[in-house]
Amino acid sequence: MEARLTGLDRFQALWQRNLLPGAADDSEAIHQRLLDGYGEAHRHYHTLDHIEHCLGMFEQCSHLVERPDALELAIWFHDIILQPGRHDNEARSADYYLELTDGIQSDDTRHLVHRLIMNTLHNGDSIEDADGIYMVDIDLSSFGLPWEDFLRDSRNIRAENPQLSDSQYFINQTGFQRSLLARERFFLSDFFYQRFEKQARANVERYFEHLDNSGATIG
């Protein structure tokens, strides 16, 4: 059976490469904390499978980024805090990473990883460096999956927001999706643009039709 990218050996090697000289290595315990976090019962989309998918995308483009270790660390931590109804999960995830790495990783790495995690807010801020661009594209790459996979992911994301009525949820979600469609490019990097742009746009447009046919209020 092929080893999962989220396995302990890979994570330990990544963690150990980025330890300061003499720093204690708690990589096994930290890896278990990550597994526990992504295994929380209220998660349906932002699970270990999402991290596995992101790492798979990272494997394909890591040769194109400037600081691959920082990007890989950001992938691991970018959704570790997920509390339905809160709007600061990304910030709390980034802060959690900083807490775990205080004094054991370089401040340069820590600040970069923190910024990369915050890039996944997808709030429209301009991102011009390669690391940030690939972080954003990796996080959005599931939009470019085949339709049935995209629809499954959409249902799982809905399940993570039980505090919202259907009307509230679909207005919020489709508003975000419309903002992506309105961009000149859905994906910022040539790598992801060439591979997933057409499918991602087709998926979102088909999703709007799907919601309309189901009678959902989408704004």
N, C-alpha and C. Protein backbone atom coordinates (compact mmCIF):
# COMPACT_ATOMS: atom_id res chain seq x y z
N MET A 1 0.85 -1.20 0.00
CA MET A 1 0.00 0.00 0.00
C MET A 1 0.89 1.25 0.00
N GLU A 2 0.58 2.19 -0.87
CA GLU A 2 1.39 3.39 -0.98
C GLU A 2 1.29 4.23 0.29
N ALA A 3 2.44 4.73 0.76
CA ALA A 3 2.46 5.54 1.97
C ALA A 3 1.74 6.86 1.72
N ARG A 4 0.95 7.28 2.70
CA ARG A 4 0.25 8.56 2.58
C ARG A 4 1.24 9.70 2.81
N LEU A 5 1.00 10.80 2.12
CA LEU A 5 1.86 11.97 2.26
C LEU A 5 1.76 12.58 3.65
N THR A 6 0.66 12.28 4.34
CA THR A 6 0.47 12.78 5.69
C THR A 6 1.04 11.85 6.76
N GLY A 7 1.82 10.88 6.34
CA GLY A 7 2.42 9.95 7.29
C GLY A 7 3.47 10.59 8.18
N LEU A 8 3.80 9.88 9.26
CA LEU A 8 4.74 10.41 10.26
C LEU A 8 6.13 10.62 9.69
N ASP A 9 6.65 9.68 8.91
CA ASP A 9 8.03 9.78 8.43
C ASP A 9 8.26 11.07 7.64
N ARG A 10 7.35 11.38 6.76
CA ARG A 10 7.50 12.60 5.96
C ARG A 10 7.43 13.84 6.84
N PHE A 11 6.45 13.86 7.75
CA PHE A 11 6.32 15.03 8.60
C PHE A 11 7.55 15.20 9.49
N GLN A 12 8.06 14.11 10.06
CA GLN A 12 9.24 14.21 10.92
C GLN A 12 10.43 14.76 10.16
N ALA A 13 10.64 14.30 8.94
CA ALA A 13 11.77 14.79 8.14
C ALA A 13 11.63 16.29 7.89
N LEU A 14 10.43 16.73 7.56
CA LEU A 14 10.18 18.15 7.34
C LEU A 14 10.46 18.95 8.60
N TRP A 15 9.92 18.49 9.72
CA TRP A 15 10.06 19.20 10.99
C TRP A 15 11.53 19.27 11.41
N GLN A 16 12.23 18.15 11.30
CA GLN A 16 13.61 18.09 11.74
C GLN A 16 14.52 18.95 10.88
N ARG A 17 14.22 19.08 9.59
CA ARG A 17 15.02 19.93 8.70
C ARG A 17 14.97 21.39 9.12
N ASN A 18 13.90 21.76 9.80
CA ASN A 18 13.68 23.17 10.11
C ASN A 18 13.89 23.51 11.58
N LEU A 19 14.40 22.57 12.36
CA LEU A 19 14.71 22.85 13.75
C LEU A 19 16.00 23.65 13.87
N LEU A 20 16.02 24.58 14.81
CA LEU A 20 17.26 25.26 15.13
C LEU A 20 18.22 24.30 15.82
N PRO A 21 19.53 24.53 15.69
CA PRO A 21 20.51 23.65 16.35
C PRO A 21 20.21 23.53 17.85
N GLY A 22 20.16 22.30 18.32
CA GLY A 22 19.94 22.05 19.74
C GLY A 22 18.49 22.07 20.18
N ALA A 23 17.57 22.38 19.28
CA ALA A 23 16.15 22.44 19.64
C ALA A 23 15.60 21.03 19.85
N ALA A 24 14.68 20.91 20.79
CA ALA A 24 14.06 19.63 21.08
C ALA A 24 13.17 19.21 19.91
N ASP A 25 13.17 17.92 19.62
CA ASP A 25 12.38 17.39 18.52
C ASP A 25 11.12 16.71 19.07
N ASP A 26 9.99 17.40 18.98
CA ASP A 26 8.71 16.85 19.41
C ASP A 26 7.83 16.52 18.21
N SER A 27 8.47 16.19 17.08
CA SER A 27 7.72 16.03 15.83
C SER A 27 6.68 14.92 15.90
N GLU A 28 6.97 13.84 16.62
CA GLU A 28 5.99 12.75 16.69
C GLU A 28 4.74 13.21 17.42
N ALA A 29 4.91 13.90 18.53
CA ALA A 29 3.75 14.39 19.29
C ALA A 29 2.99 15.46 18.51
N ILE A 30 3.72 16.33 17.81
CA ILE A 30 3.05 17.38 17.02
C ILE A 30 2.28 16.75 15.86
N HIS A 31 2.86 15.76 15.22
CA HIS A 31 2.16 15.06 14.15
C HIS A 31 0.86 14.45 14.68
N GLN A 32 0.90 13.88 15.86
CA GLN A 32 -0.31 13.29 16.42
C GLN A 32 -1.35 14.38 16.74
N ARG A 33 -0.89 15.53 17.20
CA ARG A 33 -1.83 16.64 17.45
C ARG A 33 -2.52 17.05 16.15
N LEU A 34 -1.77 17.07 15.06
CA LEU A 34 -2.35 17.42 13.77
C LEU A 34 -3.36 16.36 13.32
N LEU A 35 -3.01 15.10 13.47
CA LEU A 35 -3.96 14.04 13.11
C LEU A 35 -5.23 14.15 13.93
N ASP A 36 -5.08 14.40 15.22
CA ASP A 36 -6.26 14.54 16.09
C ASP A 36 -7.12 15.73 15.66
N GLY A 37 -6.46 16.84 15.34
CA GLY A 37 -7.18 18.04 14.94
C GLY A 37 -7.98 17.83 13.66
N TYR A 38 -7.32 17.27 12.66
CA TYR A 38 -8.00 17.06 11.39
C TYR A 38 -9.00 15.90 11.44
N GLY A 39 -8.98 15.17 12.54
CA GLY A 39 -9.95 14.09 12.71
C GLY A 39 -11.15 14.46 13.56
N GLU A 40 -11.30 15.73 13.91
CA GLU A 40 -12.43 16.17 14.74
C GLU A 40 -13.76 15.83 14.07
N ALA A 41 -14.74 15.47 14.90
CA ALA A 41 -16.01 14.95 14.39
C ALA A 41 -16.78 15.96 13.55
N HIS A 42 -16.61 17.26 13.82
CA HIS A 42 -17.39 18.25 13.08
C HIS A 42 -16.80 18.58 11.71
N ARG A 43 -15.67 17.98 11.38
CA ARG A 43 -15.05 18.23 10.08
C ARG A 43 -15.59 17.25 9.03
N HIS A 44 -15.81 17.78 7.85
CA HIS A 44 -16.28 16.95 6.74
C HIS A 44 -15.45 17.18 5.48
N TYR A 45 -15.01 18.42 5.28
CA TYR A 45 -14.14 18.74 4.14
C TYR A 45 -12.71 19.02 4.60
N HIS A 46 -12.56 19.82 5.64
CA HIS A 46 -11.22 20.22 6.11
C HIS A 46 -10.64 19.14 7.03
N THR A 47 -10.45 17.98 6.44
CA THR A 47 -9.97 16.80 7.15
C THR A 47 -8.55 16.48 6.71
N LEU A 48 -8.04 15.36 7.19
CA LEU A 48 -6.71 14.93 6.76
C LEU A 48 -6.68 14.64 5.26
N ASP A 49 -7.81 14.26 4.70
CA ASP A 49 -7.85 14.04 3.25
C ASP A 49 -7.58 15.34 2.49
N HIS A 50 -8.06 16.47 3.02
CA HIS A 50 -7.78 17.76 2.38
C HIS A 50 -6.29 18.06 2.44
N ILE A 51 -5.65 17.78 3.57
CA ILE A 51 -4.20 17.99 3.67
C ILE A 51 -3.47 17.06 2.72
N GLU A 52 -3.92 15.82 2.63
CA GLU A 52 -3.32 14.86 1.70
C GLU A 52 -3.42 15.37 0.25
N HIS A 53 -4.58 15.88 -0.09
CA HIS A 53 -4.77 16.44 -1.44
C HIS A 53 -3.82 17.62 -1.68
N CYS A 54 -3.75 18.53 -0.70
CA CYS A 54 -2.88 19.70 -0.85
C CYS A 54 -1.42 19.30 -0.97
N LEU A 55 -1.00 18.32 -0.19
CA LEU A 55 0.38 17.86 -0.28
C LEU A 55 0.65 17.20 -1.63
N GLY A 56 -0.35 16.52 -2.17
CA GLY A 56 -0.20 15.95 -3.51
C GLY A 56 0.00 17.02 -4.56
N MET A 57 -0.76 18.12 -4.44
CA MET A 57 -0.58 19.24 -5.35
C MET A 57 0.80 19.88 -5.15
N PHE A 58 1.20 20.00 -3.90
CA PHE A 58 2.51 20.57 -3.57
C PHE A 58 3.63 19.74 -4.20
N GLU A 59 3.50 18.42 -4.16
CA GLU A 59 4.51 17.54 -4.74
C GLU A 59 4.74 17.87 -6.21
N GLN A 60 3.68 18.26 -6.90
CA GLN A 60 3.77 18.51 -8.33
C GLN A 60 4.41 19.86 -8.67
N CYS A 61 4.32 20.81 -7.74
CA CYS A 61 4.82 22.15 -8.07
C CYS A 61 5.92 22.64 -7.14
N SER A 62 6.40 21.81 -6.23
CA SER A 62 7.37 22.27 -5.23
C SER A 62 8.65 22.81 -5.85
N HIS A 63 8.99 22.32 -7.04
CA HIS A 63 10.21 22.80 -7.70
C HIS A 63 10.08 24.23 -8.22
N LEU A 64 8.87 24.78 -8.17
CA LEU A 64 8.63 26.12 -8.70
C LEU A 64 8.60 27.19 -7.62
N VAL A 65 8.63 26.79 -6.35
CA VAL A 65 8.50 27.77 -5.27
C VAL A 65 9.86 28.09 -4.68
N GLU A 66 9.92 29.17 -3.94
CA GLU A 66 11.19 29.63 -3.38
C GLU A 66 11.54 28.93 -2.08
N ARG A 67 10.55 28.71 -1.23
CA ARG A 67 10.79 28.11 0.09
C ARG A 67 9.85 26.92 0.27
N PRO A 68 10.16 25.79 -0.35
CA PRO A 68 9.24 24.66 -0.31
C PRO A 68 8.93 24.14 1.09
N ASP A 69 9.91 24.14 1.99
CA ASP A 69 9.63 23.67 3.35
C ASP A 69 8.61 24.56 4.05
N ALA A 70 8.74 25.85 3.89
CA ALA A 70 7.78 26.77 4.51
C ALA A 70 6.38 26.55 3.95
N LEU A 71 6.29 26.34 2.65
CA LEU A 71 4.99 26.09 2.04
C LEU A 71 4.40 24.78 2.54
N GLU A 72 5.22 23.77 2.68
CA GLU A 72 4.72 22.48 3.18
C GLU A 72 4.24 22.60 4.63
N LEU A 73 4.99 23.33 5.44
CA LEU A 73 4.55 23.55 6.83
C LEU A 73 3.22 24.30 6.85
N ALA A 74 3.09 25.29 5.99
CA ALA A 74 1.84 26.07 5.94
C ALA A 74 0.66 25.18 5.55
N ILE A 75 0.88 24.27 4.61
CA ILE A 75 -0.18 23.34 4.23
C ILE A 75 -0.62 22.52 5.43
N TRP A 76 0.31 22.03 6.18
CA TRP A 76 -0.02 21.20 7.35
C TRP A 76 -0.87 21.96 8.37
N PHE A 77 -0.59 23.22 8.57
CA PHE A 77 -1.22 23.95 9.67
C PHE A 77 -2.37 24.87 9.25
N HIS A 78 -2.63 25.04 7.97
CA HIS A 78 -3.51 26.15 7.56
C HIS A 78 -4.97 25.97 8.00
N ASP A 79 -5.39 24.74 8.27
CA ASP A 79 -6.78 24.51 8.70
C ASP A 79 -6.85 23.77 10.04
N ILE A 80 -5.78 23.81 10.81
CA ILE A 80 -5.76 23.00 12.04
C ILE A 80 -6.79 23.48 13.05
N ILE A 81 -7.12 24.74 13.05
CA ILE A 81 -8.20 25.26 13.91
C ILE A 81 -9.42 25.49 13.02
N LEU A 82 -10.50 24.81 13.35
CA LEU A 82 -11.74 24.97 12.58
C LEU A 82 -12.92 24.91 13.54
N GLN A 83 -13.46 26.06 13.83
CA GLN A 83 -14.63 26.16 14.69
C GLN A 83 -15.75 26.80 13.90
N PRO A 84 -16.84 26.07 13.66
CA PRO A 84 -17.94 26.62 12.86
C PRO A 84 -18.44 27.95 13.42
N GLY A 85 -18.68 28.87 12.50
CA GLY A 85 -19.22 30.16 12.88
C GLY A 85 -18.19 31.22 13.19
N ARG A 86 -16.93 30.83 13.34
CA ARG A 86 -15.89 31.81 13.61
C ARG A 86 -15.26 32.27 12.32
N HIS A 87 -14.80 33.51 12.30
CA HIS A 87 -14.19 34.07 11.11
C HIS A 87 -12.69 34.28 11.26
N ASP A 88 -12.14 33.72 12.35
CA ASP A 88 -10.71 33.89 12.60
C ASP A 88 -9.98 32.56 12.66
N ASN A 89 -10.53 31.53 12.02
CA ASN A 89 -9.90 30.22 12.08
C ASN A 89 -8.51 30.21 11.46
N GLU A 90 -8.34 30.95 10.36
CA GLU A 90 -7.02 31.02 9.72
C GLU A 90 -6.00 31.68 10.66
N ALA A 91 -6.42 32.78 11.28
CA ALA A 91 -5.51 33.48 12.20
C ALA A 91 -5.17 32.61 13.40
N ARG A 92 -6.14 31.90 13.89
CA ARG A 92 -5.89 31.03 15.05
C ARG A 92 -5.00 29.85 14.65
N SER A 93 -5.18 29.36 13.43
CA SER A 93 -4.30 28.29 12.94
C SER A 93 -2.87 28.78 12.81
N ALA A 94 -2.71 29.98 12.25
CA ALA A 94 -1.37 30.55 12.10
C ALA A 94 -0.73 30.81 13.46
N ASP A 95 -1.50 31.29 14.41
CA ASP A 95 -0.98 31.55 15.75
C ASP A 95 -0.62 30.25 16.46
N TYR A 96 -1.39 29.20 16.21
CA TYR A 96 -1.08 27.90 16.81
C TYR A 96 0.27 27.39 16.32
N TYR A 97 0.52 27.56 15.02
CA TYR A 97 1.83 27.18 14.49
C TYR A 97 2.94 27.98 15.18
N LEU A 98 2.74 29.28 15.35
CA LEU A 98 3.76 30.11 16.00
C LEU A 98 4.02 29.65 17.43
N GLU A 99 2.96 29.28 18.14
CA GLU A 99 3.12 28.80 19.51
C GLU A 99 3.98 27.54 19.56
N LEU A 100 3.73 26.62 18.65
CA LEU A 100 4.46 25.35 18.65
C LEU A 100 5.93 25.51 18.24
N THR A 101 6.25 26.56 17.50
CA THR A 101 7.60 26.70 16.95
C THR A 101 8.41 27.79 17.62
N ASP A 102 7.87 28.41 18.65
CA ASP A 102 8.59 29.48 19.35
C ASP A 102 9.92 28.95 19.90
N GLY A 103 11.01 29.51 19.42
CA GLY A 103 12.33 29.14 19.92
C GLY A 103 12.93 27.91 19.30
N ILE A 104 12.20 27.22 18.41
CA ILE A 104 12.75 25.99 17.83
C ILE A 104 12.88 26.05 16.31
N GLN A 105 12.24 27.05 15.68
CA GLN A 105 12.44 27.29 14.25
C GLN A 105 12.85 28.75 14.07
N SER A 106 13.49 29.04 12.96
CA SER A 106 13.97 30.40 12.75
C SER A 106 12.78 31.35 12.60
N ASP A 107 12.96 32.58 13.05
CA ASP A 107 11.89 33.56 12.93
C ASP A 107 11.55 33.82 11.47
N ASP A 108 12.54 33.73 10.60
CA ASP A 108 12.30 33.93 9.17
C ASP A 108 11.30 32.89 8.64
N THR A 109 11.53 31.64 8.99
CA THR A 109 10.61 30.57 8.57
C THR A 109 9.25 30.76 9.21
N ARG A 110 9.22 31.07 10.49
CA ARG A 110 7.96 31.19 11.21
C ARG A 110 7.10 32.31 10.65
N HIS A 111 7.70 33.45 10.36
CA HIS A 111 6.94 34.58 9.82
C HIS A 111 6.41 34.27 8.42
N LEU A 112 7.20 33.56 7.62
CA LEU A 112 6.76 33.20 6.27
C LEU A 112 5.60 32.22 6.35
N VAL A 113 5.71 31.20 7.18
CA VAL A 113 4.63 30.22 7.30
C VAL A 113 3.35 30.89 7.79
N HIS A 114 3.49 31.78 8.75
CA HIS A 114 2.33 32.51 9.25
C HIS A 114 1.66 33.29 8.12
N ARG A 115 2.45 33.98 7.31
CA ARG A 115 1.89 34.76 6.20
C ARG A 115 1.22 33.85 5.17
N LEU A 116 1.83 32.72 4.88
CA LEU A 116 1.25 31.80 3.90
C LEU A 116 -0.09 31.26 4.38
N ILE A 117 -0.19 30.95 5.66
CA ILE A 117 -1.48 30.49 6.19
C ILE A 117 -2.52 31.60 6.05
N MET A 118 -2.14 32.82 6.36
CA MET A 118 -3.09 33.92 6.28
C MET A 118 -3.50 34.21 4.83
N ASN A 119 -2.67 33.83 3.87
CA ASN A 119 -3.07 33.99 2.47
C ASN A 119 -4.31 33.18 2.13
N THR A 120 -4.58 32.10 2.90
CA THR A 120 -5.74 31.26 2.61
C THR A 120 -7.04 31.88 3.08
N LEU A 121 -7.00 33.11 3.55
CA LEU A 121 -8.24 33.85 3.78
C LEU A 121 -8.97 34.12 2.46
N HIS A 122 -8.22 34.19 1.37
CA HIS A 122 -8.80 34.46 0.04
C HIS A 122 -9.69 35.70 0.10
N ASN A 123 -9.14 36.76 0.68
CA ASN A 123 -9.93 37.97 0.90
C ASN A 123 -9.72 39.05 -0.16
N GLY A 124 -9.04 38.68 -1.24
CA GLY A 124 -8.85 39.64 -2.31
C GLY A 124 -7.57 40.44 -2.23
N ASP A 125 -6.80 40.26 -1.15
CA ASP A 125 -5.53 40.98 -1.05
C ASP A 125 -4.59 40.55 -2.17
N SER A 126 -3.81 41.47 -2.66
CA SER A 126 -2.87 41.18 -3.74
C SER A 126 -1.75 40.26 -3.23
N ILE A 127 -1.46 39.22 -3.99
CA ILE A 127 -0.40 38.28 -3.64
C ILE A 127 0.52 38.20 -4.85
N GLU A 128 1.78 38.56 -4.65
CA GLU A 128 2.68 38.65 -5.79
C GLU A 128 3.88 37.70 -5.69
N ASP A 129 4.19 37.19 -4.50
CA ASP A 129 5.35 36.30 -4.39
C ASP A 129 4.94 34.87 -4.72
N ALA A 130 5.89 34.10 -5.23
CA ALA A 130 5.61 32.74 -5.69
C ALA A 130 5.05 31.86 -4.59
N ASP A 131 5.61 31.97 -3.39
CA ASP A 131 5.16 31.11 -2.29
C ASP A 131 3.69 31.35 -1.99
N GLY A 132 3.30 32.62 -1.89
CA GLY A 132 1.91 32.94 -1.59
C GLY A 132 0.97 32.52 -2.71
N ILE A 133 1.39 32.72 -3.95
CA ILE A 133 0.57 32.35 -5.10
C ILE A 133 0.32 30.85 -5.11
N TYR A 134 1.34 30.07 -4.87
CA TYR A 134 1.16 28.62 -4.89
C TYR A 134 0.36 28.14 -3.69
N MET A 135 0.51 28.79 -2.56
CA MET A 135 -0.30 28.42 -1.40
C MET A 135 -1.78 28.61 -1.71
N VAL A 136 -2.13 29.74 -2.27
CA VAL A 136 -3.52 30.03 -2.61
C VAL A 136 -4.05 29.05 -3.66
N ASP A 137 -3.26 28.81 -4.69
CA ASP A 137 -3.71 27.91 -5.75
C ASP A 137 -3.87 26.48 -5.26
N ILE A 138 -2.96 26.04 -4.42
CA ILE A 138 -3.07 24.70 -3.85
C ILE A 138 -4.35 24.57 -3.04
N ASP A 139 -4.64 25.58 -2.23
CA ASP A 139 -5.83 25.53 -1.39
C ASP A 139 -7.12 25.53 -2.22
N LEU A 140 -7.09 26.17 -3.37
CA LEU A 140 -8.27 26.25 -4.24
C LEU A 140 -8.31 25.14 -5.29
N SER A 141 -7.30 24.30 -5.32
CA SER A 141 -7.18 23.35 -6.44
C SER A 141 -8.32 22.35 -6.51
N SER A 142 -9.01 22.10 -5.40
CA SER A 142 -10.13 21.16 -5.45
C SER A 142 -11.28 21.67 -6.30
N PHE A 143 -11.32 22.98 -6.58
CA PHE A 143 -12.32 23.50 -7.52
C PHE A 143 -12.14 22.90 -8.90
N GLY A 144 -10.94 22.46 -9.21
CA GLY A 144 -10.65 21.92 -10.53
C GLY A 144 -10.75 20.41 -10.63
N LEU A 145 -11.30 19.77 -9.61
CA LEU A 145 -11.51 18.32 -9.65
C LEU A 145 -12.67 17.98 -10.57
N PRO A 146 -12.81 16.73 -10.98
CA PRO A 146 -13.98 16.31 -11.74
C PRO A 146 -15.27 16.68 -11.01
N TRP A 147 -16.34 16.90 -11.77
CA TRP A 147 -17.60 17.40 -11.22
C TRP A 147 -18.09 16.64 -10.00
N GLU A 148 -18.12 15.34 -10.03
CA GLU A 148 -18.65 14.56 -8.91
C GLU A 148 -17.83 14.79 -7.64
N ASP A 149 -16.53 14.91 -7.78
CA ASP A 149 -15.67 15.19 -6.62
C ASP A 149 -15.91 16.61 -6.12
N PHE A 150 -16.06 17.54 -7.05
CA PHE A 150 -16.36 18.92 -6.66
C PHE A 150 -17.69 18.99 -5.91
N LEU A 151 -18.71 18.30 -6.38
CA LEU A 151 -20.02 18.31 -5.74
C LEU A 151 -19.95 17.68 -4.36
N ARG A 152 -19.21 16.59 -4.23
CA ARG A 152 -19.01 15.97 -2.92
C ARG A 152 -18.36 16.94 -1.95
N ASP A 153 -17.31 17.63 -2.40
CA ASP A 153 -16.63 18.59 -1.54
C ASP A 153 -17.57 19.73 -1.15
N SER A 154 -18.39 20.18 -2.08
CA SER A 154 -19.34 21.26 -1.80
C SER A 154 -20.32 20.84 -0.71
N ARG A 155 -20.79 19.62 -0.77
CA ARG A 155 -21.70 19.11 0.26
C ARG A 155 -21.00 19.00 1.61
N ASN A 156 -19.74 18.59 1.58
CA ASN A 156 -19.00 18.45 2.83
C ASN A 156 -18.73 19.81 3.48
N ILE A 157 -18.46 20.83 2.67
CA ILE A 157 -18.26 22.17 3.21
C ILE A 157 -19.56 22.69 3.81
N ARG A 158 -20.67 22.41 3.15
CA ARG A 158 -21.97 22.80 3.70
C ARG A 158 -22.18 22.16 5.06
N ALA A 159 -21.79 20.90 5.20
CA ALA A 159 -21.99 20.16 6.45
C ALA A 159 -21.16 20.74 7.60
N GLU A 160 -20.11 21.48 7.27
CA GLU A 160 -19.27 22.10 8.31
C GLU A 160 -19.86 23.42 8.81
N ASN A 161 -20.97 23.83 8.26
CA ASN A 161 -21.57 25.10 8.65
C ASN A 161 -23.03 24.92 9.08
N PRO A 162 -23.26 24.08 10.08
CA PRO A 162 -24.64 23.80 10.49
C PRO A 162 -25.32 24.99 11.16
N GLN A 163 -24.53 25.97 11.57
CA GLN A 163 -25.10 27.15 12.26
C GLN A 163 -25.82 28.07 11.30
N LEU A 164 -25.62 27.90 10.00
CA LEU A 164 -26.22 28.76 9.00
C LEU A 164 -27.43 28.09 8.35
N SER A 165 -28.45 28.88 8.08
CA SER A 165 -29.57 28.38 7.29
C SER A 165 -29.09 28.17 5.86
N ASP A 166 -29.85 27.42 5.08
CA ASP A 166 -29.47 27.22 3.68
C ASP A 166 -29.35 28.56 2.96
N SER A 167 -30.29 29.46 3.21
CA SER A 167 -30.27 30.75 2.54
C SER A 167 -29.00 31.52 2.89
N GLN A 168 -28.66 31.57 4.17
CA GLN A 168 -27.46 32.29 4.59
C GLN A 168 -26.21 31.65 3.99
N TYR A 169 -26.15 30.33 4.08
CA TYR A 169 -24.95 29.63 3.62
C TYR A 169 -24.73 29.82 2.13
N PHE A 170 -25.76 29.59 1.33
CA PHE A 170 -25.57 29.64 -0.11
C PHE A 170 -25.32 31.06 -0.62
N ILE A 171 -25.89 32.05 0.05
CA ILE A 171 -25.58 33.43 -0.33
C ILE A 171 -24.10 33.73 -0.06
N ASN A 172 -23.61 33.30 1.10
CA ASN A 172 -22.20 33.52 1.43
C ASN A 172 -21.27 32.75 0.49
N GLN A 173 -21.58 31.48 0.30
CA GLN A 173 -20.68 30.62 -0.48
C GLN A 173 -20.65 31.02 -1.95
N THR A 174 -21.80 31.29 -2.52
CA THR A 174 -21.82 31.65 -3.94
C THR A 174 -21.25 33.06 -4.16
N GLY A 175 -21.36 33.90 -3.13
CA GLY A 175 -20.72 35.21 -3.23
C GLY A 175 -19.22 35.07 -3.39
N PHE A 176 -18.63 34.17 -2.59
CA PHE A 176 -17.20 33.90 -2.69
C PHE A 176 -16.87 33.30 -4.06
N GLN A 177 -17.67 32.37 -4.51
CA GLN A 177 -17.41 31.72 -5.79
C GLN A 177 -17.54 32.71 -6.95
N ARG A 178 -18.51 33.61 -6.86
CA ARG A 178 -18.66 34.63 -7.91
C ARG A 178 -17.43 35.54 -7.95
N SER A 179 -16.86 35.82 -6.79
CA SER A 179 -15.66 36.67 -6.76
C SER A 179 -14.49 35.99 -7.46
N LEU A 180 -14.43 34.66 -7.37
CA LEU A 180 -13.38 33.92 -8.06
C LEU A 180 -13.61 33.94 -9.57
N LEU A 181 -14.86 33.76 -9.97
CA LEU A 181 -15.18 33.78 -11.39
C LEU A 181 -14.91 35.15 -12.01
N ALA A 182 -15.08 36.21 -11.20
CA ALA A 182 -14.90 37.57 -11.71
C ALA A 182 -13.45 37.92 -11.95
N ARG A 183 -12.54 37.15 -11.36
CA ARG A 183 -11.12 37.44 -11.56
C ARG A 183 -10.72 37.09 -12.99
N GLU A 184 -9.72 37.77 -13.46
CA GLU A 184 -9.20 37.47 -14.80
C GLU A 184 -8.74 36.02 -14.87
N ARG A 185 -8.12 35.58 -13.77
CA ARG A 185 -7.68 34.19 -13.67
C ARG A 185 -8.15 33.63 -12.34
N PHE A 186 -8.78 32.48 -12.39
CA PHE A 186 -9.19 31.78 -11.18
C PHE A 186 -7.94 31.37 -10.40
N PHE A 187 -6.96 30.81 -11.11
CA PHE A 187 -5.69 30.39 -10.52
C PHE A 187 -4.60 31.38 -10.92
N LEU A 188 -3.78 31.76 -9.95
CA LEU A 188 -2.80 32.82 -10.17
C LEU A 188 -1.52 32.33 -10.85
N SER A 189 -1.17 31.10 -10.62
CA SER A 189 0.06 30.56 -11.20
C SER A 189 -0.23 29.92 -12.55
N ASP A 190 0.76 29.97 -13.45
CA ASP A 190 0.60 29.30 -14.74
C ASP A 190 0.40 27.80 -14.55
N PHE A 191 1.08 27.23 -13.58
CA PHE A 191 1.01 25.79 -13.34
C PHE A 191 -0.43 25.35 -13.11
N PHE A 192 -1.13 26.00 -12.18
CA PHE A 192 -2.50 25.60 -11.86
C PHE A 192 -3.49 26.12 -12.91
N TYR A 193 -3.21 27.27 -13.47
CA TYR A 193 -4.08 27.82 -14.51
C TYR A 193 -4.18 26.85 -15.69
N GLN A 194 -3.07 26.35 -16.13
CA GLN A 194 -3.06 25.47 -17.29
C GLN A 194 -3.73 24.14 -17.01
N ARG A 195 -3.70 23.67 -15.78
CA ARG A 195 -4.24 22.36 -15.44
C ARG A 195 -5.69 22.38 -14.98
N PHE A 196 -6.12 23.45 -14.32
CA PHE A 196 -7.40 23.40 -13.63
C PHE A 196 -8.36 24.55 -13.93
N GLU A 197 -7.91 25.58 -14.63
CA GLU A 197 -8.75 26.76 -14.82
C GLU A 197 -10.08 26.43 -15.49
N LYS A 198 -10.02 25.73 -16.60
CA LYS A 198 -11.24 25.43 -17.37
C LYS A 198 -12.22 24.60 -16.55
N GLN A 199 -11.72 23.57 -15.89
CA GLN A 199 -12.60 22.70 -15.09
C GLN A 199 -13.18 23.44 -13.89
N ALA A 200 -12.37 24.27 -13.24
CA ALA A 200 -12.85 25.01 -12.07
C ALA A 200 -14.00 25.95 -12.45
N ARG A 201 -13.84 26.68 -13.53
CA ARG A 201 -14.90 27.60 -13.96
C ARG A 201 -16.16 26.82 -14.37
N ALA A 202 -15.97 25.72 -15.05
CA ALA A 202 -17.12 24.91 -15.45
C ALA A 202 -17.84 24.35 -14.23
N ASN A 203 -17.09 23.93 -13.23
CA ASN A 203 -17.69 23.38 -12.01
C ASN A 203 -18.55 24.43 -11.29
N VAL A 204 -18.00 25.63 -11.13
CA VAL A 204 -18.73 26.66 -10.40
C VAL A 204 -20.00 27.06 -11.15
N GLU A 205 -19.89 27.22 -12.45
CA GLU A 205 -21.07 27.59 -13.23
C GLU A 205 -22.12 26.49 -13.19
N ARG A 206 -21.68 25.24 -13.25
CA ARG A 206 -22.62 24.11 -13.15
C ARG A 206 -23.23 24.05 -11.75
N TYR A 207 -22.45 24.40 -10.75
CA TYR A 207 -22.95 24.39 -9.36
C TYR A 207 -24.07 25.41 -9.20
N PHE A 208 -23.90 26.59 -9.78
CA PHE A 208 -24.97 27.59 -9.72
C PHE A 208 -26.25 27.05 -10.36
N GLU A 209 -26.12 26.37 -11.47
CA GLU A 209 -27.28 25.76 -12.13
C GLU A 209 -27.90 24.68 -11.24
N HIS A 210 -27.04 23.90 -10.62
CA HIS A 210 -27.49 22.83 -9.71
C HIS A 210 -28.29 23.41 -8.55
N LEU A 211 -27.80 24.50 -7.95
CA LEU A 211 -28.50 25.13 -6.84
C LEU A 211 -29.82 25.74 -7.32
N ASP A 212 -29.78 26.36 -8.47
CA ASP A 212 -30.99 26.98 -9.01
C ASP A 212 -32.06 25.92 -9.27
N ASN A 213 -31.66 24.78 -9.81
CA ASN A 213 -32.61 23.70 -10.08
C ASN A 213 -33.16 23.08 -8.80
N SER A 214 -32.37 23.17 -7.72
CA SER A 214 -32.81 22.60 -6.44
C SER A 214 -33.67 23.59 -5.64
N GLY A 215 -33.78 24.84 -6.13
CA GLY A 215 -34.58 25.84 -5.45
C GLY A 215 -33.86 26.58 -4.35
N ALA A 216 -32.52 26.42 -4.26
CA ALA A 216 -31.75 27.10 -3.23
C ALA A 216 -31.67 28.59 -3.51
N THR A 217 -31.69 29.39 -2.46
CA THR A 217 -31.52 30.85 -2.59
C THR A 217 -30.04 31.17 -2.63
N ILE A 218 -29.55 31.68 -3.76
CA ILE A 218 -28.12 31.91 -3.89
C ILE A 218 -27.79 33.38 -4.15
N GLY A 219 -28.73 34.27 -4.00
CA GLY A 219 -28.44 35.69 -4.10
C GLY A 219 -28.43 36.18 -5.54
